[in-house]
Structures are given as C-alpha cells and as structure tokens.
C-alpha cells in the first residue's frame, strides 16, 4: 500500500544557475506535514503551478528522505543559451509517495 502526501511551496531564484552536481547550498528544505514511516522509499514529483516569469523555470530536487526533500528553482537551459538563473516567485506543487 502506498502512502501519499501533497503540498506546495512559493519560491523564487536570486542565484545563478547551479551547474555543480551535489552543491545544494542554494536549495530550500521542504518538510512533509507527517513523516513517512522509517525505512520508506519516497519519491517526489514537483510541478510549477504558475506562470509568473517570462523564462521557463526548471525545478531540481535532492536528498529525498522520509521527512522531506531539498528543492531549488533552476531555469531551463536551451542549447547554447545559458540562463542567468534569477526567476520571480512561482508556486511549486508537489506530490510525495512511497514505492
């Protein structure tokens, strides 16, 4: 039986695009309303819910655990064009479930 939780977070980006794998210094911690049972394998599905900025916001997640995850807005790169990384506030909805 899977357990599911949902939520949303308002976030923006005032930092350059993060291109160093594992550098989570600019990520935000999201804590689940109720922790999943210890030992659970949790997956998180984030999705932008708004369209407030002209560039396409990418969403990165990291360190998913039974208690929460890290999330960061990281604008999408298109070909040779590199985003400056800054982005206005958007609402990011998320769904977390056990597998």
C-alpha atoms as a PDB file:
ATOM      1  CA  UNK A   1       0.000   0.000   0.000  1.00  0.00           C
ATOM      2  CA  UNK A   2       1.369   3.407  -0.987  1.00  0.00           C
ATOM      3  CA  UNK A   3       1.193   6.451   1.233  1.00  0.00           C
ATOM      4  CA  UNK A   4       0.751   9.869  -0.416  1.00  0.00           C
ATOM      5  CA  UNK A   5       1.214  13.464   0.748  1.00  0.00           C
ATOM      6  CA  UNK A   6       0.893  16.696  -1.196  1.00  0.00           C
ATOM      7  CA  UNK A   7       1.822  20.304  -0.694  1.00  0.00           C
ATOM      8  CA  UNK A   8       3.069  23.471  -2.314  1.00  0.00           C
ATOM      9  CA  UNK A   9       5.825  25.994  -1.783  1.00  0.00           C
ATOM     10  CA  UNK A  10       6.266  29.524  -3.111  1.00  0.00           C
ATOM     11  CA  UNK A  11       9.822  30.112  -4.227  1.00  0.00           C
ATOM     12  CA  UNK A  12      11.985  32.271  -6.431  1.00  0.00           C
ATOM     13  CA  UNK A  13      15.599  32.229  -7.501  1.00  0.00           C
ATOM     14  CA  UNK A  14      18.057  35.011  -6.792  1.00  0.00           C
ATOM     15  CA  UNK A  15      21.076  32.808  -7.567  1.00  0.00           C
ATOM     16  CA  UNK A  16      22.915  31.909 -10.737  1.00  0.00           C
ATOM     17  CA  UNK A  17      22.108  28.605 -12.414  1.00  0.00           C
ATOM     18  CA  UNK A  18      23.625  25.809 -10.349  1.00  0.00           C
ATOM     19  CA  UNK A  19      25.879  23.666 -12.541  1.00  0.00           C
ATOM     20  CA  UNK A  20      27.918  21.849  -9.886  1.00  0.00           C
ATOM     21  CA  UNK A  21      26.456  18.449  -9.095  1.00  0.00           C
ATOM     22  CA  UNK A  22      25.812  17.932  -5.400  1.00  0.00           C
ATOM     23  CA  UNK A  23      26.073  21.626  -4.444  1.00  0.00           C
ATOM     24  CA  UNK A  24      22.833  22.127  -2.512  1.00  0.00           C
ATOM     25  CA  UNK A  25      23.795  25.375  -0.773  1.00  0.00           C
ATOM     26  CA  UNK A  26      21.043  27.283  -2.618  1.00  0.00           C
ATOM     27  CA  UNK A  27      18.301  24.676  -2.129  1.00  0.00           C
ATOM     28  CA  UNK A  28      15.332  25.060   0.234  1.00  0.00           C
ATOM     29  CA  UNK A  29      14.305  22.296   2.660  1.00  0.00           C
ATOM     30  CA  UNK A  30      10.666  21.154   2.444  1.00  0.00           C
ATOM     31  CA  UNK A  31       9.422  19.124   5.407  1.00  0.00           C
ATOM     32  CA  UNK A  32       6.485  16.749   4.957  1.00  0.00           C
ATOM     33  CA  UNK A  33       3.424  17.503   7.128  1.00  0.00           C
ATOM     34  CA  UNK A  34       3.769  13.974   8.543  1.00  0.00           C
ATOM     35  CA  UNK A  35       6.972  11.939   8.227  1.00  0.00           C
ATOM     36  CA  UNK A  36       6.680   8.729   6.236  1.00  0.00           C
ATOM     37  CA  UNK A  37       7.423   5.503   8.160  1.00  0.00           C
ATOM     38  CA  UNK A  38      11.115   4.878   8.828  1.00  0.00           C
ATOM     39  CA  UNK A  39      12.717   2.860   6.018  1.00  0.00           C
ATOM     40  CA  UNK A  40      10.198   4.015   3.392  1.00  0.00           C
ATOM     41  CA  UNK A  41      11.357   4.619  -0.152  1.00  0.00           C
ATOM     42  CA  UNK A  42       9.866   8.016  -1.052  1.00  0.00           C
ATOM     43  CA  UNK A  43       9.573   9.635  -4.487  1.00  0.00           C
ATOM     44  CA  UNK A  44       8.687  13.302  -5.054  1.00  0.00           C
ATOM     45  CA  UNK A  45       7.017  14.786  -8.143  1.00  0.00           C
ATOM     46  CA  UNK A  46       7.309  18.625  -8.274  1.00  0.00           C
ATOM     47  CA  UNK A  47       5.442  20.754 -10.830  1.00  0.00           C
ATOM     48  CA  UNK A  48       5.284  24.507 -11.412  1.00  0.00           C
ATOM     49  CA  UNK A  49       1.695  25.688 -10.828  1.00  0.00           C
ATOM     50  CA  UNK A  50       2.040  29.305 -12.027  1.00  0.00           C
ATOM     51  CA  UNK A  51       3.397  31.295 -14.996  1.00  0.00           C
ATOM     52  CA  UNK A  52       4.740  34.497 -13.450  1.00  0.00           C
ATOM     53  CA  UNK A  53       8.098  34.871 -15.195  1.00  0.00           C
ATOM     54  CA  UNK A  54       8.950  35.019 -18.902  1.00  0.00           C
ATOM     55  CA  UNK A  55      11.588  32.243 -18.753  1.00  0.00           C
ATOM     56  CA  UNK A  56      10.833  28.581 -18.139  1.00  0.00           C
ATOM     57  CA  UNK A  57      11.554  27.632 -14.536  1.00  0.00           C
ATOM     58  CA  UNK A  58      13.205  24.298 -14.010  1.00  0.00           C
ATOM     59  CA  UNK A  59      12.777  22.599 -10.654  1.00  0.00           C
ATOM     60  CA  UNK A  60      15.504  20.446  -9.111  1.00  0.00           C
ATOM     61  CA  UNK A  61      15.067  18.193  -6.080  1.00  0.00           C
ATOM     62  CA  UNK A  62      17.653  16.406  -3.964  1.00  0.00           C
ATOM     63  CA  UNK A  63      18.005  14.436  -0.732  1.00  0.00           C
ATOM     64  CA  UNK A  64      14.525  12.902  -0.603  1.00  0.00           C
ATOM     65  CA  UNK A  65      14.016  11.227   2.786  1.00  0.00           C
ATOM     66  CA  UNK A  66      11.123  10.076   4.968  1.00  0.00           C
ATOM     67  CA  UNK A  67      10.912  13.588   6.451  1.00  0.00           C
ATOM     68  CA  UNK A  68      11.222  15.840   3.388  1.00  0.00           C
ATOM     69  CA  UNK A  69      13.412  16.950   0.491  1.00  0.00           C
ATOM     70  CA  UNK A  70      15.514  19.788  -0.900  1.00  0.00           C
ATOM     71  CA  UNK A  71      14.168  21.844  -3.803  1.00  0.00           C
ATOM     72  CA  UNK A  72      15.552  24.622  -5.995  1.00  0.00           C
ATOM     73  CA  UNK A  73      14.343  26.596  -8.965  1.00  0.00           C
ATOM     74  CA  UNK A  74      16.961  26.282 -11.735  1.00  0.00           C
ATOM     75  CA  UNK A  75      15.904  27.915 -15.003  1.00  0.00           C
ATOM     76  CA  UNK A  76      15.925  25.670 -18.040  1.00  0.00           C
ATOM     77  CA  UNK A  77      18.929  25.907 -20.349  1.00  0.00           C
ATOM     78  CA  UNK A  78      18.189  25.899 -24.085  1.00  0.00           C
ATOM     79  CA  UNK A  79      21.011  24.798 -26.380  1.00  0.00           C
ATOM     80  CA  UNK A  80      23.956  27.206 -26.192  1.00  0.00           C
ATOM     81  CA  UNK A  81      21.867  29.828 -24.366  1.00  0.00           C
ATOM     82  CA  UNK A  82      22.567  29.899 -20.643  1.00  0.00           C
ATOM     83  CA  UNK A  83      20.042  31.409 -18.254  1.00  0.00           C
ATOM     84  CA  UNK A  84      21.167  33.902 -15.627  1.00  0.00           C
ATOM     85  CA  UNK A  85      19.307  31.780 -13.064  1.00  0.00           C
ATOM     86  CA  UNK A  86      17.200  34.502 -11.476  1.00  0.00           C
ATOM     87  CA  UNK A  87      13.454  33.994 -11.549  1.00  0.00           C
ATOM     88  CA  UNK A  88      10.417  35.608  -9.968  1.00  0.00           C
ATOM     89  CA  UNK A  89       8.267  33.823  -7.386  1.00  0.00           C
ATOM     90  CA  UNK A  90       6.338  30.803  -8.627  1.00  0.00           C
ATOM     91  CA  UNK A  91       4.168  28.269  -6.821  1.00  0.00           C
ATOM     92  CA  UNK A  92       5.566  24.748  -6.975  1.00  0.00           C
ATOM     93  CA  UNK A  93       3.145  21.942  -6.160  1.00  0.00           C
ATOM     94  CA  UNK A  94       4.495  18.572  -5.096  1.00  0.00           C
ATOM     95  CA  UNK A  95       3.269  15.038  -4.547  1.00  0.00           C
ATOM     96  CA  UNK A  96       5.282  12.584  -2.436  1.00  0.00           C
ATOM     97  CA  UNK A  97       4.535   8.871  -2.299  1.00  0.00           C
ATOM     98  CA  UNK A  98       6.074   5.648  -1.086  1.00  0.00           C
ATOM     99  CA  UNK A  99       7.031   2.979  -3.597  1.00  0.00           C
END
